[in-house]
Amino acid sequence: MSTSKLHRQLLEKIEKGLQDLLLPDDPQTLYQPFRYALDVGGKRIRPLLTCLACGICGGDTEDALPAALAVEILHNFTLVHDDIMDSAETRRGEPSVYKKWNENIAILSGDVMFADAYRQLAAYGQNDAFTKQEYTALHDVFSEAVITVCEGQALDMEFVNRTSVSHNEYIRMIAGKTAALLSASLEMGAIAAHASPQMREELAELGHEMGIAFQIQDDLLDAVADPEKFGKKPGGDIYEGKKTYLTILALERADEDQKRFIQSVLDAQDPTQEEVEKVLSLMGSLNVLDDVAAETDQHYQKALNLLQSFDSSEYQQELKNLLIFLRNRDH
């Protein structure tokens, strides 16, 4: 995705804010992993959304920066703890915090990141430009997102040991793990702009639709994307036995023989390429691939429709460009 001047300016503002965090030098085992987790990088999508939402609502993006930093620190905290739970040795091509140090250090550093994320919001309580109600609203939106993200993670963990998961349950899980923080990022940006309740609600819904679309699209790309662009062979999730939106829908639609075969491939320690290709073929014949593509498109279109209710601005156009880029991505 080519970046605009506005995109670059906002990213520079976010990066500077992260670099300017007043983190102590000592204890080193607490704060070095904190800094490392932030410096490993990332696209900074969530803080970018916070700044864009503020601009869309006519606010000053400087006012959105504490909220933007809060959501980015929180996001990285979740990654530090997720890597422990998943025993993931790398993150963004570098050793994960728990691998570079150890599990106990990663847990404690994650804890202080969580606390520091909340500390960023104190700036609004100390700024007379923000009412007590707005300060409270920022905390409420942020706290609700934290709880929902944890619920989504818990559901994801529960699904591993369950024999069946419905597509509605899966949507609820990704609404927590993926969509909740995107939704909160946009709504907090609106609050930072002193936006109306209706604007807040529309941007929160936009983030929800965006998050759902992105995650089920990711599941779809695993099955249909060009392996050279996507980075792994088609059906990678099937080889790993993962429950995805595609496998869940396929199992719901399959007849008994098809269902037994799909489940046997998902349960296999080392399924063959032929078996995985047959599952992908069944997904096609059961209209799973086409229907998930259409559903993804519907969620992105809902997000774009919500965006159209806001006045035209460079911020609105930037968010529109991002949604269109995500909608058309092929890896």
C-alpha atoms as a PDB file:
ATOM      1  CA  MET A   1       0.000   0.000   0.000  1.00  0.00           C
ATOM      2  CA  SER A   2       1.430   3.360  -1.036  1.00  0.00           C
ATOM      3  CA  THR A   3       1.336   5.803   1.854  1.00  0.00           C
ATOM      4  CA  SER A   4       0.083   9.368   1.594  1.00  0.00           C
ATOM      5  CA  LYS A   5       1.702  12.417   3.151  1.00  0.00           C
ATOM      6  CA  LEU A   6      -0.976  12.369   5.888  1.00  0.00           C
ATOM      7  CA  HIS A   7      -0.337   8.685   6.584  1.00  0.00           C
ATOM      8  CA  ARG A   8       3.391   9.309   6.959  1.00  0.00           C
ATOM      9  CA  GLN A   9       2.838  12.349   9.183  1.00  0.00           C
ATOM     10  CA  LEU A  10       0.555  10.440  11.537  1.00  0.00           C
ATOM     11  CA  LEU A  11       2.919   7.470  11.716  1.00  0.00           C
ATOM     12  CA  GLU A  12       5.808   9.822  12.539  1.00  0.00           C
ATOM     13  CA  LYS A  13       3.696  11.362  15.318  1.00  0.00           C
ATOM     14  CA  ILE A  14       2.856   7.912  16.712  1.00  0.00           C
ATOM     15  CA  GLU A  15       6.444   6.651  16.520  1.00  0.00           C
ATOM     16  CA  LYS A  16       7.742   9.774  18.235  1.00  0.00           C
ATOM     17  CA  GLY A  17       5.138   9.344  20.976  1.00  0.00           C
ATOM     18  CA  LEU A  18       6.243   5.750  21.530  1.00  0.00           C
ATOM     19  CA  GLN A  19       9.915   6.691  21.572  1.00  0.00           C
ATOM     20  CA  ASP A  20       9.247   9.517  24.035  1.00  0.00           C
ATOM     21  CA  LEU A  21       7.637   7.229  26.610  1.00  0.00           C
ATOM     22  CA  LEU A  22       9.353   7.835  29.934  1.00  0.00           C
ATOM     23  CA  LEU A  23      10.467   4.294  30.671  1.00  0.00           C
ATOM     24  CA  PRO A  24      13.005   3.869  33.506  1.00  0.00           C
ATOM     25  CA  ASP A  25      16.342   2.158  32.885  1.00  0.00           C
ATOM     26  CA  ASP A  26      15.942   0.003  35.955  1.00  0.00           C
ATOM     27  CA  PRO A  27      14.910  -2.755  36.578  1.00  0.00           C
ATOM     28  CA  GLN A  28      16.347  -3.702  33.195  1.00  0.00           C
ATOM     29  CA  THR A  29      14.510  -7.032  33.082  1.00  0.00           C
ATOM     30  CA  LEU A  30      11.214  -5.159  33.345  1.00  0.00           C
ATOM     31  CA  TYR A  31      11.691  -2.243  30.969  1.00  0.00           C
ATOM     32  CA  GLN A  32      14.070  -3.576  28.320  1.00  0.00           C
ATOM     33  CA  PRO A  33      11.497  -6.167  27.143  1.00  0.00           C
ATOM     34  CA  PHE A  34       8.806  -3.433  27.174  1.00  0.00           C
ATOM     35  CA  ARG A  35      10.908  -1.240  24.879  1.00  0.00           C
ATOM     36  CA  TYR A  36      11.921  -4.224  22.750  1.00  0.00           C
ATOM     37  CA  ALA A  37       8.286  -5.228  22.169  1.00  0.00           C
ATOM     38  CA  LEU A  38       7.463  -1.735  20.899  1.00  0.00           C
ATOM     39  CA  ASP A  39      10.628  -1.354  18.810  1.00  0.00           C
ATOM     40  CA  VAL A  40      10.150  -4.630  16.930  1.00  0.00           C
ATOM     41  CA  GLY A  41       7.670  -2.643  14.855  1.00  0.00           C
ATOM     42  CA  GLY A  42       4.300  -3.318  13.281  1.00  0.00           C
ATOM     43  CA  LYS A  43       1.983  -1.356  11.016  1.00  0.00           C
ATOM     44  CA  ARG A  44       0.564   0.756  13.892  1.00  0.00           C
ATOM     45  CA  ILE A  45      -2.928   0.300  12.426  1.00  0.00           C
ATOM     46  CA  ARG A  46      -4.768   0.812  15.729  1.00  0.00           C
ATOM     47  CA  PRO A  47      -3.157   4.116  16.749  1.00  0.00           C
ATOM     48  CA  LEU A  48      -3.481   5.269  13.143  1.00  0.00           C
ATOM     49  CA  LEU A  49      -7.218   4.579  13.308  1.00  0.00           C
ATOM     50  CA  THR A  50      -7.459   6.602  16.536  1.00  0.00           C
ATOM     51  CA  CYS A  51      -5.808   9.613  14.906  1.00  0.00           C
ATOM     52  CA  LEU A  52      -7.867   9.281  11.720  1.00  0.00           C
ATOM     53  CA  ALA A  53     -11.129   9.058  13.687  1.00  0.00           C
ATOM     54  CA  CYS A  54     -10.199  12.219  15.574  1.00  0.00           C
ATOM     55  CA  GLY A  55      -9.511  14.033  12.303  1.00  0.00           C
ATOM     56  CA  ILE A  56     -12.694  12.704  10.692  1.00  0.00           C
ATOM     57  CA  CYS A  57     -14.688  14.192  13.585  1.00  0.00           C
ATOM     58  CA  GLY A  58     -12.994  17.568  13.200  1.00  0.00           C
ATOM     59  CA  GLY A  59     -10.588  17.247  16.123  1.00  0.00           C
ATOM     60  CA  ASP A  60      -6.890  17.972  16.536  1.00  0.00           C
ATOM     61  CA  THR A  61      -4.906  14.751  16.118  1.00  0.00           C
ATOM     62  CA  GLU A  62      -2.534  15.888  18.879  1.00  0.00           C
ATOM     63  CA  ASP A  63      -5.463  15.381  21.264  1.00  0.00           C
ATOM     64  CA  ALA A  64      -5.798  11.791  20.046  1.00  0.00           C
ATOM     65  CA  LEU A  65      -2.157  10.870  20.713  1.00  0.00           C
ATOM     66  CA  PRO A  66      -2.497   9.660  24.354  1.00  0.00           C
ATOM     67  CA  ALA A  67      -5.383   7.378  23.318  1.00  0.00           C
ATOM     68  CA  ALA A  68      -3.421   6.221  20.260  1.00  0.00           C
ATOM     69  CA  LEU A  69      -0.439   5.306  22.434  1.00  0.00           C
ATOM     70  CA  ALA A  70      -2.731   3.512  24.887  1.00  0.00           C
ATOM     71  CA  VAL A  71      -4.224   1.246  22.217  1.00  0.00           C
ATOM     72  CA  GLU A  72      -0.822   0.478  20.681  1.00  0.00           C
ATOM     73  CA  ILE A  73       0.790  -0.374  24.025  1.00  0.00           C
ATOM     74  CA  LEU A  74      -2.217  -2.546  24.884  1.00  0.00           C
ATOM     75  CA  HIS A  75      -2.035  -4.309  21.513  1.00  0.00           C
ATOM     76  CA  ASN A  76       1.639  -5.116  22.037  1.00  0.00           C
ATOM     77  CA  PHE A  77       0.922  -6.306  25.572  1.00  0.00           C
ATOM     78  CA  THR A  78      -1.562  -8.829  24.136  1.00  0.00           C
ATOM     79  CA  LEU A  79       1.088 -10.047  21.677  1.00  0.00           C
ATOM     80  CA  VAL A  80       3.655 -10.564  24.455  1.00  0.00           C
ATOM     81  CA  HIS A  81       1.210 -12.702  26.435  1.00  0.00           C
ATOM     82  CA  ASP A  82      -0.197 -14.448  23.320  1.00  0.00           C
ATOM     83  CA  ASP A  83       3.298 -15.610  22.388  1.00  0.00           C
ATOM     84  CA  ILE A  84       3.653 -17.221  25.818  1.00  0.00           C
ATOM     85  CA  MET A  85       0.318 -19.027  25.463  1.00  0.00           C
ATOM     86  CA  ASP A  86       1.109 -20.129  21.894  1.00  0.00           C
ATOM     87  CA  SER A  87       4.779 -20.965  22.616  1.00  0.00           C
ATOM     88  CA  ALA A  88       5.602 -18.714  19.660  1.00  0.00           C
ATOM     89  CA  GLU A  89       9.354 -18.234  19.368  1.00  0.00           C
ATOM     90  CA  THR A  90       9.230 -15.345  16.886  1.00  0.00           C
ATOM     91  CA  ARG A  91       7.202 -12.188  16.444  1.00  0.00           C
ATOM     92  CA  ARG A  92       7.517 -10.031  13.304  1.00  0.00           C
ATOM     93  CA  GLY A  93      10.588 -11.983  12.281  1.00  0.00           C
ATOM     94  CA  GLU A  94      12.406 -11.433  15.591  1.00  0.00           C
ATOM     95  CA  PRO A  95      12.608 -13.531  18.776  1.00  0.00           C
ATOM     96  CA  SER A  96       9.486 -13.105  20.898  1.00  0.00           C
ATOM     97  CA  VAL A  97       9.924 -11.509  24.316  1.00  0.00           C
ATOM     98  CA  TYR A  98       9.484 -14.802  26.136  1.00  0.00           C
ATOM     99  CA  LYS A  99      12.034 -16.490  23.849  1.00  0.00           C
ATOM    100  CA  LYS A 100      14.595 -13.655  24.095  1.00  0.00           C
ATOM    101  CA  TRP A 101      14.337 -13.499  27.895  1.00  0.00           C
ATOM    102  CA  ASN A 102      12.087 -16.067  29.580  1.00  0.00           C
ATOM    103  CA  GLU A 103       8.452 -16.701  30.397  1.00  0.00           C
ATOM    104  CA  ASN A 104       8.452 -15.023  33.826  1.00  0.00           C
ATOM    105  CA  ILE A 105      10.079 -11.862  32.475  1.00  0.00           C
ATOM    106  CA  ALA A 106       7.607 -11.781  29.584  1.00  0.00           C
ATOM    107  CA  ILE A 107       4.642 -12.083  31.952  1.00  0.00           C
ATOM    108  CA  LEU A 108       5.866  -9.294  34.222  1.00  0.00           C
ATOM    109  CA  SER A 109       6.862  -6.988  31.356  1.00  0.00           C
ATOM    110  CA  GLY A 110       3.475  -7.578  29.796  1.00  0.00           C
ATOM    111  CA  ASP A 111       1.849  -6.630  33.085  1.00  0.00           C
ATOM    112  CA  VAL A 112       3.680  -3.310  33.241  1.00  0.00           C
ATOM    113  CA  MET A 113       2.778  -2.614  29.594  1.00  0.00           C
ATOM    114  CA  PHE A 114      -0.867  -3.169  30.505  1.00  0.00           C
ATOM    115  CA  ALA A 115      -0.586  -0.694  33.381  1.00  0.00           C
ATOM    116  CA  ASP A 116       1.255   1.838  31.250  1.00  0.00           C
ATOM    117  CA  ALA A 117      -1.445   1.669  28.582  1.00  0.00           C
ATOM    118  CA  TYR A 118      -3.960   2.864  31.165  1.00  0.00           C
ATOM    119  CA  ARG A 119      -1.515   5.510  32.386  1.00  0.00           C
ATOM    120  CA  GLN A 120      -1.595   7.181  28.966  1.00  0.00           C
ATOM    121  CA  LEU A 121      -5.277   8.001  29.475  1.00  0.00           C
ATOM    122  CA  ALA A 122      -4.464  10.109  32.535  1.00  0.00           C
ATOM    123  CA  ALA A 123      -3.561  12.917  30.126  1.00  0.00           C
ATOM    124  CA  TYR A 124      -7.278  13.483  29.501  1.00  0.00           C
ATOM    125  CA  GLY A 125      -8.028  13.765  33.214  1.00  0.00           C
ATOM    126  CA  GLN A 126      -5.331  16.435  33.487  1.00  0.00           C
ATOM    127  CA  ASN A 127      -6.546  18.439  30.471  1.00  0.00           C
ATOM    128  CA  ASP A 128      -9.283  21.017  31.159  1.00  0.00           C
ATOM    129  CA  ALA A 129     -10.400  20.758  27.517  1.00  0.00           C
ATOM    130  CA  PHE A 130     -11.929  17.371  28.333  1.00  0.00           C
ATOM    131  CA  THR A 131     -14.964  16.950  30.535  1.00  0.00           C
ATOM    132  CA  LYS A 132     -15.255  14.429  33.310  1.00  0.00           C
ATOM    133  CA  GLN A 133     -17.776  12.575  31.150  1.00  0.00           C
ATOM    134  CA  GLU A 134     -15.319  12.360  28.229  1.00  0.00           C
ATOM    135  CA  TYR A 135     -12.516  11.154  30.497  1.00  0.00           C
ATOM    136  CA  THR A 136     -14.840   8.505  31.919  1.00  0.00           C
ATOM    137  CA  ALA A 137     -15.992   7.524  28.432  1.00  0.00           C
ATOM    138  CA  LEU A 138     -12.410   6.962  27.286  1.00  0.00           C
ATOM    139  CA  HIS A 139     -11.776   4.678  30.268  1.00  0.00           C
ATOM    140  CA  ASP A 140     -15.059   2.838  29.747  1.00  0.00           C
ATOM    141  CA  VAL A 141     -14.452   2.187  26.038  1.00  0.00           C
ATOM    142  CA  PHE A 142     -10.869   1.101  26.691  1.00  0.00           C
ATOM    143  CA  SER A 143     -11.796  -1.183  29.617  1.00  0.00           C
ATOM    144  CA  GLU A 144     -14.645  -2.790  27.689  1.00  0.00           C
ATOM    145  CA  ALA A 145     -12.266  -3.493  24.808  1.00  0.00           C
ATOM    146  CA  VAL A 146      -9.745  -5.115  27.186  1.00  0.00           C
ATOM    147  CA  ILE A 147     -12.439  -7.386  28.624  1.00  0.00           C
ATOM    148  CA  THR A 148     -13.774  -8.304  25.183  1.00  0.00           C
ATOM    149  CA  VAL A 149     -10.290  -9.091  23.863  1.00  0.00           C
ATOM    150  CA  CYS A 150      -9.734 -11.422  26.838  1.00  0.00           C
ATOM    151  CA  GLU A 151     -13.092 -13.097  26.217  1.00  0.00           C
ATOM    152  CA  GLY A 152     -12.156 -13.631  22.579  1.00  0.00           C
ATOM    153  CA  GLN A 153      -8.826 -15.168  23.552  1.00  0.00           C
ATOM    154  CA  ALA A 154     -10.521 -17.447  26.078  1.00  0.00           C
ATOM    155  CA  LEU A 155     -13.016 -18.643  23.453  1.00  0.00           C
ATOM    156  CA  ASP A 156     -10.200 -19.285  20.993  1.00  0.00           C
ATOM    157  CA  MET A 157      -8.445 -21.443  23.572  1.00  0.00           C
ATOM    158  CA  GLU A 158     -11.666 -23.307  24.407  1.00  0.00           C
ATOM    159  CA  PHE A 159     -12.334 -24.029  20.731  1.00  0.00           C
ATOM    160  CA  VAL A 160      -9.080 -26.014  20.445  1.00  0.00           C
ATOM    161  CA  ASN A 161     -10.473 -28.791  22.648  1.00  0.00           C
ATOM    162  CA  ARG A 162     -14.045 -28.732  21.366  1.00  0.00           C
ATOM    163  CA  THR A 163     -15.246 -31.147  18.715  1.00  0.00           C
ATOM    164  CA  SER A 164     -17.682 -28.661  17.205  1.00  0.00           C
ATOM    165  CA  VAL A 165     -17.868 -24.878  16.983  1.00  0.00           C
ATOM    166  CA  SER A 166     -20.687 -23.000  15.230  1.00  0.00           C
ATOM    167  CA  HIS A 167     -19.993 -20.193  12.779  1.00  0.00           C
ATOM    168  CA  ASN A 168     -21.822 -17.781  15.102  1.00  0.00           C
ATOM    169  CA  GLU A 169     -19.513 -18.758  17.957  1.00  0.00           C
ATOM    170  CA  TYR A 170     -16.512 -18.213  15.705  1.00  0.00           C
ATOM    171  CA  ILE A 171     -17.737 -14.739  14.741  1.00  0.00           C
ATOM    172  CA  ARG A 172     -18.140 -13.914  18.428  1.00  0.00           C
ATOM    173  CA  MET A 173     -14.570 -15.053  19.043  1.00  0.00           C
ATOM    174  CA  ILE A 174     -13.037 -12.894  16.302  1.00  0.00           C
ATOM    175  CA  ALA A 175     -15.266  -9.988  17.328  1.00  0.00           C
ATOM    176  CA  GLY A 176     -13.348 -10.175  20.599  1.00  0.00           C
ATOM    177  CA  LYS A 177      -9.821 -11.041  19.478  1.00  0.00           C
ATOM    178  CA  THR A 178      -9.657  -8.840  16.386  1.00  0.00           C
ATOM    179  CA  ALA A 179     -12.558  -6.405  16.075  1.00  0.00           C
ATOM    180  CA  ALA A 180     -12.902  -5.104  19.643  1.00  0.00           C
ATOM    181  CA  LEU A 181      -9.669  -3.129  19.747  1.00  0.00           C
ATOM    182  CA  LEU A 182     -10.158  -1.759  16.213  1.00  0.00           C
ATOM    183  CA  SER A 183     -13.613  -0.578  17.264  1.00  0.00           C
ATOM    184  CA  ALA A 184     -12.278   0.973  20.471  1.00  0.00           C
ATOM    185  CA  SER A 185      -9.422   2.667  18.607  1.00  0.00           C
ATOM    186  CA  LEU A 186     -11.868   4.509  16.369  1.00  0.00           C
ATOM    187  CA  GLU A 187     -14.333   5.370  19.115  1.00  0.00           C
ATOM    188  CA  MET A 188     -11.597   6.732  21.370  1.00  0.00           C
ATOM    189  CA  GLY A 189     -10.397   8.940  18.531  1.00  0.00           C
ATOM    190  CA  ALA A 190     -13.918  10.293  18.203  1.00  0.00           C
ATOM    191  CA  ILE A 191     -14.103  11.028  21.937  1.00  0.00           C
ATOM    192  CA  ALA A 192     -10.746  12.841  21.704  1.00  0.00           C
ATOM    193  CA  ALA A 193     -12.409  15.088  19.090  1.00  0.00           C
ATOM    194  CA  HIS A 194     -15.398  15.806  21.394  1.00  0.00           C
ATOM    195  CA  ALA A 195     -17.613  14.026  18.845  1.00  0.00           C
ATOM    196  CA  SER A 196     -21.329  13.402  19.242  1.00  0.00           C
ATOM    197  CA  PRO A 197     -22.639  10.065  20.561  1.00  0.00           C
ATOM    198  CA  GLN A 198     -23.871   9.228  17.053  1.00  0.00           C
ATOM    199  CA  MET A 199     -20.424   9.790  15.526  1.00  0.00           C
ATOM    200  CA  ARG A 200     -18.867   7.658  18.252  1.00  0.00           C
ATOM    201  CA  GLU A 201     -21.346   4.861  17.657  1.00  0.00           C
ATOM    202  CA  GLU A 202     -20.888   4.893  13.877  1.00  0.00           C
ATOM    203  CA  LEU A 203     -17.098   4.789  14.111  1.00  0.00           C
ATOM    204  CA  ALA A 204     -17.236   2.007  16.707  1.00  0.00           C
ATOM    205  CA  GLU A 205     -19.474  -0.015  14.381  1.00  0.00           C
ATOM    206  CA  LEU A 206     -17.153   0.717  11.468  1.00  0.00           C
ATOM    207  CA  GLY A 207     -14.248  -0.761  13.430  1.00  0.00           C
ATOM    208  CA  HIS A 208     -16.303  -3.830  14.294  1.00  0.00           C
ATOM    209  CA  GLU A 209     -17.190  -4.470  10.637  1.00  0.00           C
ATOM    210  CA  MET A 210     -13.592  -3.864   9.603  1.00  0.00           C
ATOM    211  CA  GLY A 211     -12.279  -6.359  12.156  1.00  0.00           C
ATOM    212  CA  ILE A 212     -14.739  -9.111  11.232  1.00  0.00           C
ATOM    213  CA  ALA A 213     -14.013  -8.631   7.533  1.00  0.00           C
ATOM    214  CA  PHE A 214     -10.249  -8.712   8.025  1.00  0.00           C
ATOM    215  CA  GLN A 215     -10.235 -11.932  10.035  1.00  0.00           C
ATOM    216  CA  ILE A 216     -12.567 -14.031   7.885  1.00  0.00           C
ATOM    217  CA  GLN A 217     -10.714 -12.692   4.829  1.00  0.00           C
ATOM    218  CA  ASP A 218      -7.487 -13.978   6.405  1.00  0.00           C
ATOM    219  CA  ASP A 219      -9.065 -17.417   6.742  1.00  0.00           C
ATOM    220  CA  LEU A 220     -10.155 -17.269   3.100  1.00  0.00           C
ATOM    221  CA  LEU A 221      -6.747 -16.181   1.825  1.00  0.00           C
ATOM    222  CA  ASP A 222      -5.179 -19.172   3.556  1.00  0.00           C
ATOM    223  CA  ALA A 223      -7.203 -21.333   1.181  1.00  0.00           C
ATOM    224  CA  VAL A 224      -7.099 -19.368  -2.086  1.00  0.00           C
ATOM    225  CA  ALA A 225      -4.151 -16.929  -2.041  1.00  0.00           C
ATOM    226  CA  ASP A 226      -1.082 -17.208  -4.240  1.00  0.00           C
ATOM    227  CA  PRO A 227       1.380 -19.098  -1.994  1.00  0.00           C
ATOM    228  CA  GLU A 228       4.303 -16.950  -3.175  1.00  0.00           C
ATOM    229  CA  LYS A 229       2.506 -13.805  -1.970  1.00  0.00           C
ATOM    230  CA  PHE A 230       0.814 -15.287   1.107  1.00  0.00           C
ATOM    231  CA  GLY A 231       3.970 -16.968   2.368  1.00  0.00           C
ATOM    232  CA  LYS A 232       2.644 -20.514   2.761  1.00  0.00           C
ATOM    233  CA  LYS A 233       1.025 -23.195   0.646  1.00  0.00           C
ATOM    234  CA  PRO A 234      -2.776 -23.247   0.188  1.00  0.00           C
ATOM    235  CA  GLY A 235      -4.624 -24.881   3.042  1.00  0.00           C
ATOM    236  CA  GLY A 236      -1.970 -24.144   5.659  1.00  0.00           C
ATOM    237  CA  ASP A 237      -4.643 -23.926   8.356  1.00  0.00           C
ATOM    238  CA  ILE A 238      -5.957 -27.333   7.319  1.00  0.00           C
ATOM    239  CA  TYR A 239      -2.477 -28.883   7.570  1.00  0.00           C
ATOM    240  CA  GLU A 240      -2.298 -27.464  11.117  1.00  0.00           C
ATOM    241  CA  GLY A 241      -5.786 -28.722  12.015  1.00  0.00           C
ATOM    242  CA  LYS A 242      -7.040 -25.231  12.872  1.00  0.00           C
ATOM    243  CA  LYS A 243     -10.695 -24.368  13.301  1.00  0.00           C
ATOM    244  CA  THR A 244     -11.299 -21.503  10.880  1.00  0.00           C
ATOM    245  CA  TYR A 245     -14.438 -19.882   9.497  1.00  0.00           C
ATOM    246  CA  LEU A 246     -14.037 -21.994   6.361  1.00  0.00           C
ATOM    247  CA  THR A 247     -13.650 -25.352   8.094  1.00  0.00           C
ATOM    248  CA  ILE A 248     -16.525 -24.582  10.459  1.00  0.00           C
ATOM    249  CA  LEU A 249     -18.880 -23.694   7.586  1.00  0.00           C
ATOM    250  CA  ALA A 250     -17.744 -26.716   5.593  1.00  0.00           C
ATOM    251  CA  LEU A 251     -18.493 -29.048   8.510  1.00  0.00           C
ATOM    252  CA  GLU A 252     -21.915 -27.440   8.999  1.00  0.00           C
ATOM    253  CA  ARG A 253     -22.839 -27.924   5.332  1.00  0.00           C
ATOM    254  CA  ALA A 254     -21.245 -31.310   4.656  1.00  0.00           C
ATOM    255  CA  ASP A 255     -23.127 -34.599   4.574  1.00  0.00           C
ATOM    256  CA  GLU A 256     -22.063 -37.291   7.035  1.00  0.00           C
ATOM    257  CA  ASP A 257     -19.414 -38.873   4.786  1.00  0.00           C
ATOM    258  CA  GLN A 258     -17.939 -35.495   3.856  1.00  0.00           C
ATOM    259  CA  LYS A 259     -17.982 -34.408   7.469  1.00  0.00           C
ATOM    260  CA  ARG A 260     -16.103 -37.517   8.602  1.00  0.00           C
ATOM    261  CA  PHE A 261     -13.463 -36.997   5.917  1.00  0.00           C
ATOM    262  CA  ILE A 262     -12.937 -33.291   6.679  1.00  0.00           C
ATOM    263  CA  GLN A 263     -12.673 -34.004  10.407  1.00  0.00           C
ATOM    264  CA  SER A 264     -10.241 -36.862   9.833  1.00  0.00           C
ATOM    265  CA  VAL A 265      -7.939 -34.572   7.832  1.00  0.00           C
ATOM    266  CA  LEU A 266      -8.112 -31.862  10.504  1.00  0.00           C
ATOM    267  CA  ASP A 267      -7.323 -34.451  13.190  1.00  0.00           C
ATOM    268  CA  ALA A 268      -4.440 -36.042  11.265  1.00  0.00           C
ATOM    269  CA  GLN A 269      -0.911 -35.453  12.561  1.00  0.00           C
ATOM    270  CA  ASP A 270       0.499 -35.119   9.038  1.00  0.00           C
ATOM    271  CA  PRO A 271      -2.215 -34.916   6.357  1.00  0.00           C
ATOM    272  CA  THR A 272      -1.146 -35.451   2.750  1.00  0.00           C
ATOM    273  CA  GLN A 273      -1.298 -32.744   0.111  1.00  0.00           C
ATOM    274  CA  GLU A 274      -3.913 -34.788  -1.712  1.00  0.00           C
ATOM    275  CA  GLU A 275      -6.143 -34.899   1.391  1.00  0.00           C
ATOM    276  CA  VAL A 276      -5.831 -31.154   1.986  1.00  0.00           C
ATOM    277  CA  GLU A 277      -6.597 -30.429  -1.668  1.00  0.00           C
ATOM    278  CA  LYS A 278      -9.684 -32.619  -1.416  1.00  0.00           C
ATOM    279  CA  VAL A 279     -10.885 -30.604   1.611  1.00  0.00           C
ATOM    280  CA  LEU A 280     -10.330 -27.391  -0.367  1.00  0.00           C
ATOM    281  CA  SER A 281     -12.268 -28.909  -3.259  1.00  0.00           C
ATOM    282  CA  LEU A 282     -15.142 -29.797  -0.907  1.00  0.00           C
ATOM    283  CA  MET A 283     -15.144 -26.221   0.374  1.00  0.00           C
ATOM    284  CA  GLY A 284     -15.591 -25.091  -3.207  1.00  0.00           C
ATOM    285  CA  SER A 285     -18.395 -27.532  -3.984  1.00  0.00           C
ATOM    286  CA  LEU A 286     -20.190 -26.589  -0.738  1.00  0.00           C
ATOM    287  CA  ASN A 287     -20.004 -22.904  -1.791  1.00  0.00           C
ATOM    288  CA  VAL A 288     -17.988 -22.081   1.308  1.00  0.00           C
ATOM    289  CA  LEU A 289     -15.281 -20.178  -0.592  1.00  0.00           C
ATOM    290  CA  ASP A 290     -17.710 -18.052  -2.609  1.00  0.00           C
ATOM    291  CA  ASP A 291     -19.955 -17.349   0.367  1.00  0.00           C
ATOM    292  CA  VAL A 292     -17.083 -16.315   2.636  1.00  0.00           C
ATOM    293  CA  ALA A 293     -15.731 -14.038  -0.101  1.00  0.00           C
ATOM    294  CA  ALA A 294     -19.184 -12.458  -0.407  1.00  0.00           C
ATOM    295  CA  GLU A 295     -19.529 -12.120   3.366  1.00  0.00           C
ATOM    296  CA  THR A 296     -16.117 -10.463   3.621  1.00  0.00           C
ATOM    297  CA  ASP A 297     -17.147  -8.003   0.927  1.00  0.00           C
ATOM    298  CA  GLN A 298     -20.412  -7.245   2.747  1.00  0.00           C
ATOM    299  CA  HIS A 299     -18.588  -6.364   5.972  1.00  0.00           C
ATOM    300  CA  TYR A 300     -16.157  -4.073   4.152  1.00  0.00           C
ATOM    301  CA  GLN A 301     -19.053  -2.434   2.307  1.00  0.00           C
ATOM    302  CA  LYS A 302     -20.880  -1.811   5.596  1.00  0.00           C
ATOM    303  CA  ALA A 303     -17.739  -0.126   6.921  1.00  0.00           C
ATOM    304  CA  LEU A 304     -17.464   2.038   3.801  1.00  0.00           C
ATOM    305  CA  ASN A 305     -21.154   2.966   4.015  1.00  0.00           C
ATOM    306  CA  LEU A 306     -20.711   4.074   7.620  1.00  0.00           C
ATOM    307  CA  LEU A 307     -17.745   6.203   6.587  1.00  0.00           C
ATOM    308  CA  GLN A 308     -19.835   7.983   3.961  1.00  0.00           C
ATOM    309  CA  SER A 309     -21.983   9.555   6.686  1.00  0.00           C
ATOM    310  CA  PHE A 310     -19.028  11.765   7.660  1.00  0.00           C
ATOM    311  CA  ASP A 311     -18.023  14.976   5.913  1.00  0.00           C
ATOM    312  CA  SER A 312     -15.349  14.678   3.245  1.00  0.00           C
ATOM    313  CA  SER A 313     -11.839  15.362   4.517  1.00  0.00           C
ATOM    314  CA  GLU A 314      -8.307  14.112   4.038  1.00  0.00           C
ATOM    315  CA  TYR A 315      -8.805  11.939   7.133  1.00  0.00           C
ATOM    316  CA  GLN A 316     -11.977  10.387   5.763  1.00  0.00           C
ATOM    317  CA  GLN A 317     -10.246   9.728   2.429  1.00  0.00           C
ATOM    318  CA  GLU A 318      -7.277   8.130   4.180  1.00  0.00           C
ATOM    319  CA  LEU A 319      -9.516   5.719   6.080  1.00  0.00           C
ATOM    320  CA  LYS A 320     -11.443   4.981   2.878  1.00  0.00           C
ATOM    321  CA  ASN A 321      -8.174   4.192   1.084  1.00  0.00           C
ATOM    322  CA  LEU A 322      -7.179   1.841   3.905  1.00  0.00           C
ATOM    323  CA  LEU A 323     -10.501  -0.007   3.770  1.00  0.00           C
ATOM    324  CA  ILE A 324     -10.291  -0.368  -0.017  1.00  0.00           C
ATOM    325  CA  PHE A 325      -6.699  -1.607   0.241  1.00  0.00           C
ATOM    326  CA  LEU A 326      -7.688  -4.223   2.826  1.00  0.00           C
ATOM    327  CA  ARG A 327     -10.747  -5.236   0.829  1.00  0.00           C
ATOM    328  CA  ASN A 328      -8.619  -5.878  -2.281  1.00  0.00           C
ATOM    329  CA  ARG A 329      -5.593  -7.468  -0.630  1.00  0.00           C
ATOM    330  CA  ASP A 330      -4.443 -10.812  -1.953  1.00  0.00           C
ATOM    331  CA  HIS A 331      -2.058 -11.821   0.832  1.00  0.00           C
END
